[in-house]
Amino acid sequence: MIKTTVFARELGVAIYLTGGFTANTSLAHFCRDNGLLVHSHRAMHAVIDRQKNHGVHFHVLAKVLRMSRGGHIHSGTFFPFLE
């Protein structure tokens, strides 16, 4: 993922999109050291959006993404698109 980020930086990308939780913290440190903003795509939406009572509020998910140092969070739309 770091190699892809380096390539994106060479292309002049200002915001790097990542989807998931595994590399967010180390990727965020690398991106901030190199002048990029990390866009943390809302991971697991295919599982969470299909279940009405999944037990995870979006605020909790957003806080987890922010704690993993994501600088920009994709939240989707108000209306669920998977119904």
N, C-alpha and C. Protein backbone atom coordinates (compact mmCIF):
# COMPACT_ATOMS: atom_id res chain seq x y z
N MET A 1 0.82 -1.18 0.00
CA MET A 1 0.00 0.00 0.00
C MET A 1 0.87 1.26 0.00
N ILE A 2 2.01 1.19 0.65
CA ILE A 2 2.92 2.34 0.66
C ILE A 2 3.43 2.62 -0.76
N LYS A 3 3.73 1.56 -1.52
CA LYS A 3 4.20 1.75 -2.90
C LYS A 3 3.13 2.46 -3.74
N THR A 4 1.89 2.09 -3.55
CA THR A 4 0.80 2.74 -4.28
C THR A 4 0.68 4.20 -3.87
N THR A 5 0.89 4.48 -2.61
CA THR A 5 0.83 5.86 -2.12
C THR A 5 1.96 6.69 -2.71
N VAL A 6 3.15 6.11 -2.79
CA VAL A 6 4.29 6.82 -3.40
C VAL A 6 3.97 7.12 -4.87
N PHE A 7 3.42 6.15 -5.57
CA PHE A 7 3.04 6.35 -6.97
C PHE A 7 1.99 7.45 -7.10
N ALA A 8 1.00 7.45 -6.22
CA ALA A 8 -0.04 8.48 -6.25
C ALA A 8 0.56 9.86 -5.99
N ARG A 9 1.50 9.93 -5.05
CA ARG A 9 2.15 11.21 -4.76
C ARG A 9 2.92 11.72 -5.97
N GLU A 10 3.59 10.80 -6.69
CA GLU A 10 4.33 11.19 -7.89
C GLU A 10 3.41 11.71 -8.99
N LEU A 11 2.16 11.23 -9.00
CA LEU A 11 1.18 11.72 -9.97
C LEU A 11 0.57 13.05 -9.56
N GLY A 12 0.82 13.49 -8.33
CA GLY A 12 0.30 14.77 -7.86
C GLY A 12 -1.02 14.68 -7.13
N VAL A 13 -1.36 13.49 -6.64
CA VAL A 13 -2.61 13.29 -5.92
C VAL A 13 -2.54 13.97 -4.55
N ALA A 14 -3.60 14.67 -4.15
CA ALA A 14 -3.61 15.35 -2.85
C ALA A 14 -4.25 14.51 -1.76
N ILE A 15 -5.23 13.66 -2.13
CA ILE A 15 -5.94 12.81 -1.17
C ILE A 15 -5.82 11.37 -1.61
N TYR A 16 -5.41 10.48 -0.71
CA TYR A 16 -5.25 9.06 -1.03
C TYR A 16 -6.40 8.28 -0.40
N LEU A 17 -7.10 7.47 -1.19
CA LEU A 17 -8.24 6.68 -0.73
C LEU A 17 -7.76 5.33 -0.24
N THR A 18 -8.19 4.96 0.96
CA THR A 18 -7.93 3.62 1.47
C THR A 18 -9.26 3.01 1.91
N GLY A 19 -9.41 1.72 1.72
CA GLY A 19 -10.65 1.05 2.09
C GLY A 19 -10.39 -0.07 3.06
N GLY A 20 -10.58 0.17 4.32
CA GLY A 20 -10.36 -0.87 5.32
C GLY A 20 -9.67 -0.32 6.54
N PHE A 21 -9.39 -1.20 7.48
CA PHE A 21 -8.79 -0.77 8.75
C PHE A 21 -7.35 -1.22 8.92
N THR A 22 -6.88 -2.19 8.14
CA THR A 22 -5.63 -2.85 8.47
C THR A 22 -4.41 -1.95 8.42
N ALA A 23 -4.30 -1.09 7.44
CA ALA A 23 -3.09 -0.28 7.29
C ALA A 23 -3.32 1.20 7.56
N ASN A 24 -4.48 1.55 8.09
CA ASN A 24 -4.80 2.98 8.23
C ASN A 24 -3.78 3.75 9.05
N THR A 25 -3.37 3.24 10.19
CA THR A 25 -2.49 4.02 11.07
C THR A 25 -1.12 4.23 10.44
N SER A 26 -0.47 3.18 9.97
CA SER A 26 0.85 3.34 9.36
C SER A 26 0.75 4.12 8.06
N LEU A 27 -0.31 3.90 7.30
CA LEU A 27 -0.50 4.64 6.06
C LEU A 27 -0.74 6.11 6.34
N ALA A 28 -1.50 6.42 7.37
CA ALA A 28 -1.77 7.82 7.72
C ALA A 28 -0.49 8.54 8.12
N HIS A 29 0.36 7.88 8.90
CA HIS A 29 1.64 8.49 9.28
C HIS A 29 2.50 8.74 8.04
N PHE A 30 2.56 7.78 7.14
CA PHE A 30 3.34 7.94 5.92
C PHE A 30 2.80 9.08 5.07
N CYS A 31 1.47 9.12 4.91
CA CYS A 31 0.86 10.17 4.08
C CYS A 31 1.06 11.55 4.67
N ARG A 32 0.92 11.67 5.97
CA ARG A 32 1.10 13.00 6.59
C ARG A 32 2.55 13.46 6.50
N ASP A 33 3.48 12.52 6.60
CA ASP A 33 4.89 12.88 6.44
C ASP A 33 5.20 13.31 5.02
N ASN A 34 4.37 12.89 4.06
CA ASN A 34 4.62 13.19 2.65
C ASN A 34 3.59 14.14 2.05
N GLY A 35 2.83 14.82 2.89
CA GLY A 35 1.92 15.86 2.42
C GLY A 35 0.63 15.39 1.77
N LEU A 36 0.17 14.18 2.10
CA LEU A 36 -1.08 13.66 1.56
C LEU A 36 -2.12 13.55 2.66
N LEU A 37 -3.38 13.65 2.28
CA LEU A 37 -4.49 13.44 3.20
C LEU A 37 -5.05 12.05 2.94
N VAL A 38 -5.37 11.31 4.00
CA VAL A 38 -5.92 9.96 3.85
C VAL A 38 -7.44 10.04 3.86
N HIS A 39 -8.05 9.51 2.81
CA HIS A 39 -9.51 9.41 2.73
C HIS A 39 -9.86 7.98 3.13
N SER A 40 -10.45 7.81 4.30
CA SER A 40 -10.81 6.47 4.79
C SER A 40 -12.20 6.13 4.32
N HIS A 41 -12.28 5.26 3.35
CA HIS A 41 -13.59 4.83 2.86
C HIS A 41 -14.27 4.04 3.96
N ARG A 42 -15.56 4.23 4.10
CA ARG A 42 -16.30 3.55 5.18
C ARG A 42 -16.28 2.05 4.91
N ALA A 43 -15.36 1.39 5.55
CA ALA A 43 -15.18 -0.05 5.34
C ALA A 43 -16.37 -0.83 5.88
N MET A 44 -16.62 -1.97 5.34
CA MET A 44 -17.63 -2.93 5.77
C MET A 44 -19.06 -2.48 5.47
N HIS A 45 -19.26 -1.48 4.60
CA HIS A 45 -20.63 -1.01 4.37
C HIS A 45 -21.51 -2.08 3.74
N ALA A 46 -20.93 -3.00 2.98
CA ALA A 46 -21.73 -4.06 2.37
C ALA A 46 -22.36 -4.95 3.44
N VAL A 47 -21.66 -5.14 4.53
CA VAL A 47 -22.19 -5.96 5.62
C VAL A 47 -23.12 -5.14 6.51
N ILE A 48 -22.70 -3.94 6.87
CA ILE A 48 -23.46 -3.12 7.82
C ILE A 48 -24.77 -2.61 7.22
N ASP A 49 -24.74 -2.15 5.97
CA ASP A 49 -25.94 -1.56 5.37
C ASP A 49 -27.04 -2.58 5.09
N ARG A 50 -26.70 -3.82 4.89
CA ARG A 50 -27.71 -4.83 4.57
C ARG A 50 -28.47 -5.31 5.80
N GLN A 51 -27.92 -5.11 6.98
CA GLN A 51 -28.55 -5.57 8.20
C GLN A 51 -29.17 -4.38 8.93
N LYS A 52 -30.43 -4.48 9.24
CA LYS A 52 -31.12 -3.37 9.91
C LYS A 52 -30.66 -3.19 11.35
N ASN A 53 -30.39 -4.28 12.07
CA ASN A 53 -30.00 -4.21 13.48
C ASN A 53 -28.62 -4.81 13.68
N HIS A 54 -27.61 -4.19 13.08
CA HIS A 54 -26.25 -4.71 13.17
C HIS A 54 -25.56 -4.32 14.46
N GLY A 55 -26.06 -3.31 15.16
CA GLY A 55 -25.52 -2.96 16.47
C GLY A 55 -24.37 -1.97 16.45
N VAL A 56 -23.95 -1.48 15.30
CA VAL A 56 -22.85 -0.53 15.23
C VAL A 56 -23.39 0.78 14.66
N HIS A 57 -23.38 1.82 15.47
CA HIS A 57 -23.82 3.13 15.01
C HIS A 57 -22.71 3.74 14.17
N PHE A 58 -23.08 4.55 13.18
CA PHE A 58 -22.06 5.14 12.32
C PHE A 58 -21.11 6.04 13.10
N HIS A 59 -21.57 6.68 14.17
CA HIS A 59 -20.67 7.51 14.97
C HIS A 59 -19.53 6.69 15.56
N VAL A 60 -19.83 5.47 15.98
CA VAL A 60 -18.78 4.58 16.51
C VAL A 60 -17.80 4.23 15.41
N LEU A 61 -18.31 3.86 14.24
CA LEU A 61 -17.45 3.53 13.12
C LEU A 61 -16.60 4.73 12.70
N ALA A 62 -17.18 5.92 12.70
CA ALA A 62 -16.44 7.13 12.36
C ALA A 62 -15.34 7.41 13.37
N LYS A 63 -15.62 7.18 14.65
CA LYS A 63 -14.58 7.40 15.67
C LYS A 63 -13.43 6.41 15.52
N VAL A 64 -13.76 5.16 15.18
CA VAL A 64 -12.70 4.17 14.96
C VAL A 64 -11.83 4.59 13.78
N LEU A 65 -12.45 5.05 12.72
CA LEU A 65 -11.67 5.51 11.57
C LEU A 65 -10.84 6.74 11.91
N ARG A 66 -11.39 7.65 12.71
CA ARG A 66 -10.61 8.83 13.11
C ARG A 66 -9.46 8.46 14.04
N MET A 67 -9.69 7.48 14.93
CA MET A 67 -8.62 7.04 15.82
C MET A 67 -7.50 6.36 15.04
N SER A 68 -7.83 5.80 13.88
CA SER A 68 -6.78 5.19 13.06
C SER A 68 -6.15 6.23 12.13
N ARG A 69 -6.41 7.50 12.41
CA ARG A 69 -5.75 8.64 11.79
C ARG A 69 -6.23 8.97 10.39
N GLY A 70 -7.42 8.53 10.02
CA GLY A 70 -7.97 8.95 8.73
C GLY A 70 -8.34 10.42 8.77
N GLY A 71 -8.02 11.15 7.74
CA GLY A 71 -8.27 12.58 7.73
C GLY A 71 -9.58 12.97 7.06
N HIS A 72 -10.18 12.06 6.35
CA HIS A 72 -11.38 12.35 5.58
C HIS A 72 -12.18 11.07 5.52
N ILE A 73 -13.46 11.10 5.86
CA ILE A 73 -14.26 9.88 5.95
C ILE A 73 -15.42 9.94 4.96
N HIS A 74 -15.57 8.89 4.19
CA HIS A 74 -16.70 8.76 3.26
C HIS A 74 -17.85 8.13 4.01
N SER A 75 -18.99 8.80 4.02
CA SER A 75 -20.10 8.30 4.83
C SER A 75 -21.25 7.73 4.02
N GLY A 76 -21.21 7.81 2.72
CA GLY A 76 -22.30 7.27 1.92
C GLY A 76 -23.46 8.25 1.85
N THR A 77 -24.66 7.72 1.62
CA THR A 77 -25.83 8.57 1.46
C THR A 77 -26.82 8.33 2.60
N PHE A 78 -27.80 9.20 2.70
CA PHE A 78 -28.82 9.07 3.74
C PHE A 78 -29.71 7.86 3.47
N PHE A 79 -30.01 7.62 2.21
CA PHE A 79 -30.88 6.50 1.83
C PHE A 79 -30.04 5.27 1.53
N PRO A 80 -30.35 4.13 2.13
CA PRO A 80 -29.56 2.92 1.85
C PRO A 80 -29.76 2.46 0.41
N PHE A 81 -28.66 2.17 -0.26
CA PHE A 81 -28.74 1.78 -1.66
C PHE A 81 -28.75 0.27 -1.86
N LEU A 82 -28.63 -0.49 -0.80
CA LEU A 82 -28.56 -1.94 -0.93
C LEU A 82 -29.89 -2.62 -0.65
N GLU A 83 -30.96 -1.87 -0.55
CA GLU A 83 -32.27 -2.49 -0.29
C GLU A 83 -32.98 -2.79 -1.59
